[in-house]
Amino acid sequence: MLTETKRPPTVEERGKLCGYIYSDADAVKTIRRGADKFIMATENNDKIPLKQAEIAIRRFNDMTTPHHLGLLKNHRSNIEKSLALGNWSKIKKEEINAMRVIKQVKNLLLEMDDLRAKVRDEDLEKFDKMMDLGKQKAFEEMKEYMSKDIESLN
């Protein structure tokens, strides 16, 4: 009897299985598309120049961070509206989705830290300067979401 081996689900399939309809895979693909070049460069433990990392940094700062933070604000707004209406099931659903967005931002930040480890030592200071704004925005928005979440409970 032959048994079929199943491949692991893709990011999109995992999202659909969770019932969370969100195209975060597109955001991750944009960063990975830029990072794929770096993987080939680092197979021999070579460090990459900052010029190659700039694409992923710009995509992170200009596309993925604002996108995720916009989603987080929308979830927060929906939670506040549902709180006013007393719709607890919708509040729970929105909080779950907001926590997923926070996890996605965290994973993107971890990917950018992995990319930082692949950048040449002499370019690390410039890399950090380029990443500061996006990281700062991400941490501020997540902190704001969590503080408002606590306020709404009181």
C-alpha atoms as a PDB file:
ATOM      1  CA  MET A   1       0.000   0.000   0.000  1.00  0.00           C
ATOM      2  CA  LEU A   2       1.429   3.333  -1.032  1.00  0.00           C
ATOM      3  CA  THR A   3       1.037   6.265   1.267  1.00  0.00           C
ATOM      4  CA  GLU A   4       1.084   9.804   0.078  1.00  0.00           C
ATOM      5  CA  THR A   5       3.453  12.166   1.800  1.00  0.00           C
ATOM      6  CA  LYS A   6       1.939  15.540   2.412  1.00  0.00           C
ATOM      7  CA  ARG A   7       3.918  18.691   1.994  1.00  0.00           C
ATOM      8  CA  PRO A   8       3.747  21.267   4.760  1.00  0.00           C
ATOM      9  CA  PRO A   9       1.110  23.951   4.194  1.00  0.00           C
ATOM     10  CA  THR A  10       2.142  27.272   2.727  1.00  0.00           C
ATOM     11  CA  VAL A  11       1.713  30.547   4.598  1.00  0.00           C
ATOM     12  CA  GLU A  12      -1.503  31.240   2.707  1.00  0.00           C
ATOM     13  CA  GLU A  13      -2.877  27.783   3.474  1.00  0.00           C
ATOM     14  CA  ARG A  14      -2.016  28.126   7.169  1.00  0.00           C
ATOM     15  CA  GLY A  15      -3.839  31.460   7.244  1.00  0.00           C
ATOM     16  CA  LYS A  16      -6.909  29.923   5.646  1.00  0.00           C
ATOM     17  CA  LEU A  17      -6.820  26.971   8.053  1.00  0.00           C
ATOM     18  CA  CYS A  18      -6.844  29.388  10.985  1.00  0.00           C
ATOM     19  CA  GLY A  19      -9.832  31.160   9.504  1.00  0.00           C
ATOM     20  CA  TYR A  20      -7.885  34.408   9.373  1.00  0.00           C
ATOM     21  CA  ILE A  21      -8.274  35.958   5.958  1.00  0.00           C
ATOM     22  CA  TYR A  22      -5.291  38.195   5.632  1.00  0.00           C
ATOM     23  CA  SER A  23      -2.647  38.420   3.001  1.00  0.00           C
ATOM     24  CA  ASP A  24       0.381  38.755   5.236  1.00  0.00           C
ATOM     25  CA  ALA A  25       2.079  36.312   2.928  1.00  0.00           C
ATOM     26  CA  ASP A  26       2.410  39.137   0.420  1.00  0.00           C
ATOM     27  CA  ALA A  27       4.230  41.286   2.946  1.00  0.00           C
ATOM     28  CA  VAL A  28       6.512  38.425   3.958  1.00  0.00           C
ATOM     29  CA  LYS A  29       7.144  37.554   0.310  1.00  0.00           C
ATOM     30  CA  THR A  30       8.284  41.108  -0.414  1.00  0.00           C
ATOM     31  CA  ILE A  31      10.904  40.904   2.298  1.00  0.00           C
ATOM     32  CA  ARG A  32      11.890  37.345   1.435  1.00  0.00           C
ATOM     33  CA  ARG A  33      12.161  38.207  -2.244  1.00  0.00           C
ATOM     34  CA  GLY A  34      14.876  40.669  -1.345  1.00  0.00           C
ATOM     35  CA  ALA A  35      16.345  38.318   1.229  1.00  0.00           C
ATOM     36  CA  ASP A  36      16.604  35.352  -1.185  1.00  0.00           C
ATOM     37  CA  LYS A  37      19.602  36.996  -2.796  1.00  0.00           C
ATOM     38  CA  PHE A  38      21.253  37.223   0.593  1.00  0.00           C
ATOM     39  CA  ILE A  39      20.802  33.547   1.325  1.00  0.00           C
ATOM     40  CA  MET A  40      22.839  32.658  -1.741  1.00  0.00           C
ATOM     41  CA  ALA A  41      25.505  35.158  -0.733  1.00  0.00           C
ATOM     42  CA  THR A  42      25.738  33.786   2.787  1.00  0.00           C
ATOM     43  CA  GLU A  43      25.965  30.091   1.936  1.00  0.00           C
ATOM     44  CA  ASN A  44      29.738  30.360   2.287  1.00  0.00           C
ATOM     45  CA  ASN A  45      29.347  32.482   5.444  1.00  0.00           C
ATOM     46  CA  ASP A  46      30.140  35.594   3.416  1.00  0.00           C
ATOM     47  CA  LYS A  47      28.718  38.858   4.667  1.00  0.00           C
ATOM     48  CA  ILE A  48      26.636  40.934   2.295  1.00  0.00           C
ATOM     49  CA  PRO A  49      27.067  44.637   1.594  1.00  0.00           C
ATOM     50  CA  LEU A  50      24.472  47.084   2.874  1.00  0.00           C
ATOM     51  CA  LYS A  51      23.467  47.904  -0.695  1.00  0.00           C
ATOM     52  CA  GLN A  52      21.909  44.438  -1.051  1.00  0.00           C
ATOM     53  CA  ALA A  53      20.082  44.732   2.273  1.00  0.00           C
ATOM     54  CA  GLU A  54      18.630  48.141   1.404  1.00  0.00           C
ATOM     55  CA  ILE A  55      15.830  46.618  -0.670  1.00  0.00           C
ATOM     56  CA  ALA A  56      14.514  44.585   2.249  1.00  0.00           C
ATOM     57  CA  ILE A  57      14.954  47.513   4.645  1.00  0.00           C
ATOM     58  CA  ARG A  58      13.012  49.874   2.392  1.00  0.00           C
ATOM     59  CA  ARG A  59      10.229  47.338   1.923  1.00  0.00           C
ATOM     60  CA  PHE A  60      10.077  46.837   5.668  1.00  0.00           C
ATOM     61  CA  ASN A  61       9.985  50.583   6.411  1.00  0.00           C
ATOM     62  CA  ASP A  62       7.787  51.724   3.516  1.00  0.00           C
ATOM     63  CA  MET A  63       5.370  48.848   2.963  1.00  0.00           C
ATOM     64  CA  THR A  64       5.113  46.183   5.619  1.00  0.00           C
ATOM     65  CA  THR A  65       5.355  48.263   8.792  1.00  0.00           C
ATOM     66  CA  PRO A  66       2.723  50.851   7.767  1.00  0.00           C
ATOM     67  CA  HIS A  67       0.470  48.053   6.477  1.00  0.00           C
ATOM     68  CA  HIS A  68       0.610  46.064   9.705  1.00  0.00           C
ATOM     69  CA  LEU A  69       0.261  49.137  11.896  1.00  0.00           C
ATOM     70  CA  GLY A  70      -2.783  50.209   9.892  1.00  0.00           C
ATOM     71  CA  LEU A  71      -4.330  46.806  10.498  1.00  0.00           C
ATOM     72  CA  LEU A  72      -3.585  47.120  14.195  1.00  0.00           C
ATOM     73  CA  LYS A  73      -5.306  50.534  14.335  1.00  0.00           C
ATOM     74  CA  ASN A  74      -8.332  49.111  12.512  1.00  0.00           C
ATOM     75  CA  HIS A  75      -8.581  46.238  14.978  1.00  0.00           C
ATOM     76  CA  ARG A  76      -8.275  48.695  17.880  1.00  0.00           C
ATOM     77  CA  SER A  77     -11.038  50.864  16.413  1.00  0.00           C
ATOM     78  CA  ASN A  78     -13.281  47.831  15.910  1.00  0.00           C
ATOM     79  CA  ILE A  79     -12.652  46.747  19.505  1.00  0.00           C
ATOM     80  CA  GLU A  80     -13.632  50.191  20.800  1.00  0.00           C
ATOM     81  CA  LYS A  81     -16.828  50.206  18.711  1.00  0.00           C
ATOM     82  CA  SER A  82     -17.749  46.709  19.837  1.00  0.00           C
ATOM     83  CA  LEU A  83     -16.994  47.623  23.447  1.00  0.00           C
ATOM     84  CA  ALA A  84     -19.437  50.516  23.211  1.00  0.00           C
ATOM     85  CA  LEU A  85     -22.075  48.154  21.802  1.00  0.00           C
ATOM     86  CA  GLY A  86     -21.288  45.380  24.269  1.00  0.00           C
ATOM     87  CA  ASN A  87     -20.624  42.855  21.491  1.00  0.00           C
ATOM     88  CA  TRP A  88     -18.219  40.594  23.380  1.00  0.00           C
ATOM     89  CA  SER A  89     -17.856  37.929  20.702  1.00  0.00           C
ATOM     90  CA  LYS A  90     -16.718  40.549  18.176  1.00  0.00           C
ATOM     91  CA  ILE A  91     -14.318  42.016  20.753  1.00  0.00           C
ATOM     92  CA  LYS A  92     -12.761  38.608  21.294  1.00  0.00           C
ATOM     93  CA  LYS A  93     -12.450  38.029  17.534  1.00  0.00           C
ATOM     94  CA  GLU A  94     -10.824  41.431  16.976  1.00  0.00           C
ATOM     95  CA  GLU A  95      -8.409  40.915  19.870  1.00  0.00           C
ATOM     96  CA  ILE A  96      -7.341  37.570  18.434  1.00  0.00           C
ATOM     97  CA  ASN A  97      -6.767  39.154  15.040  1.00  0.00           C
ATOM     98  CA  ALA A  98      -4.871  42.067  16.588  1.00  0.00           C
ATOM     99  CA  MET A  99      -2.620  39.650  18.476  1.00  0.00           C
ATOM    100  CA  ARG A 100      -1.941  37.851  15.191  1.00  0.00           C
ATOM    101  CA  VAL A 101      -0.876  41.136  13.621  1.00  0.00           C
ATOM    102  CA  ILE A 102       1.443  41.779  16.574  1.00  0.00           C
ATOM    103  CA  LYS A 103       2.952  38.312  16.129  1.00  0.00           C
ATOM    104  CA  GLN A 104       3.444  38.991  12.427  1.00  0.00           C
ATOM    105  CA  VAL A 105       5.229  42.267  13.173  1.00  0.00           C
ATOM    106  CA  LYS A 106       7.382  40.459  15.722  1.00  0.00           C
ATOM    107  CA  ASN A 107       8.283  37.813  13.136  1.00  0.00           C
ATOM    108  CA  LEU A 108       9.142  40.484  10.577  1.00  0.00           C
ATOM    109  CA  LEU A 109      11.387  42.178  13.132  1.00  0.00           C
ATOM    110  CA  LEU A 110      13.082  38.847  13.797  1.00  0.00           C
ATOM    111  CA  GLU A 111      13.637  38.362  10.054  1.00  0.00           C
ATOM    112  CA  MET A 112      15.208  41.791   9.864  1.00  0.00           C
ATOM    113  CA  ASP A 113      17.483  40.871  12.780  1.00  0.00           C
ATOM    114  CA  ASP A 114      18.507  37.750  10.859  1.00  0.00           C
ATOM    115  CA  LEU A 115      19.258  39.957   7.877  1.00  0.00           C
ATOM    116  CA  ARG A 116      21.325  42.237  10.120  1.00  0.00           C
ATOM    117  CA  ALA A 117      23.463  39.255  11.109  1.00  0.00           C
ATOM    118  CA  LYS A 118      24.272  38.725   7.426  1.00  0.00           C
ATOM    119  CA  VAL A 119      25.382  42.328   6.804  1.00  0.00           C
ATOM    120  CA  ARG A 120      29.062  43.280   6.838  1.00  0.00           C
ATOM    121  CA  ASP A 121      30.368  44.551  10.160  1.00  0.00           C
ATOM    122  CA  GLU A 122      31.351  47.932   8.734  1.00  0.00           C
ATOM    123  CA  ASP A 123      27.794  48.474   7.470  1.00  0.00           C
ATOM    124  CA  LEU A 124      25.986  47.590  10.708  1.00  0.00           C
ATOM    125  CA  GLU A 125      25.799  51.182  11.971  1.00  0.00           C
ATOM    126  CA  LYS A 126      24.174  52.357   8.722  1.00  0.00           C
ATOM    127  CA  PHE A 127      21.850  49.347   8.771  1.00  0.00           C
ATOM    128  CA  ASP A 128      20.739  50.229  12.297  1.00  0.00           C
ATOM    129  CA  LYS A 129      20.123  53.855  11.324  1.00  0.00           C
ATOM    130  CA  MET A 130      18.001  52.759   8.369  1.00  0.00           C
ATOM    131  CA  MET A 131      15.971  50.374  10.547  1.00  0.00           C
ATOM    132  CA  ASP A 132      15.477  52.725  13.517  1.00  0.00           C
ATOM    133  CA  LEU A 133      12.445  54.573  12.189  1.00  0.00           C
ATOM    134  CA  GLY A 134      10.519  51.445  11.193  1.00  0.00           C
ATOM    135  CA  LYS A 135      11.365  49.622  14.413  1.00  0.00           C
ATOM    136  CA  GLN A 136      10.497  52.633  16.519  1.00  0.00           C
ATOM    137  CA  LYS A 137       7.097  53.027  14.822  1.00  0.00           C
ATOM    138  CA  ALA A 138       6.361  49.325  15.223  1.00  0.00           C
ATOM    139  CA  PHE A 139       7.233  49.251  18.922  1.00  0.00           C
ATOM    140  CA  GLU A 140       5.332  52.488  19.652  1.00  0.00           C
ATOM    141  CA  GLU A 141       2.167  51.255  17.938  1.00  0.00           C
ATOM    142  CA  MET A 142       2.285  47.882  19.662  1.00  0.00           C
ATOM    143  CA  LYS A 143       2.877  49.585  23.013  1.00  0.00           C
ATOM    144  CA  GLU A 144      -0.012  51.991  22.353  1.00  0.00           C
ATOM    145  CA  TYR A 145      -2.301  49.095  21.424  1.00  0.00           C
ATOM    146  CA  MET A 146      -1.417  47.212  24.587  1.00  0.00           C
ATOM    147  CA  SER A 147      -1.850  50.283  26.819  1.00  0.00           C
ATOM    148  CA  LYS A 148      -5.280  51.063  25.281  1.00  0.00           C
ATOM    149  CA  ASP A 149      -6.219  47.415  25.692  1.00  0.00           C
ATOM    150  CA  ILE A 150      -5.471  47.647  29.400  1.00  0.00           C
ATOM    151  CA  GLU A 151      -7.338  50.971  29.703  1.00  0.00           C
ATOM    152  CA  SER A 152     -10.439  49.481  28.078  1.00  0.00           C
ATOM    153  CA  LEU A 153     -10.519  46.717  30.681  1.00  0.00           C
ATOM    154  CA  ASN A 154     -10.601  49.204  33.584  1.00  0.00           C
END
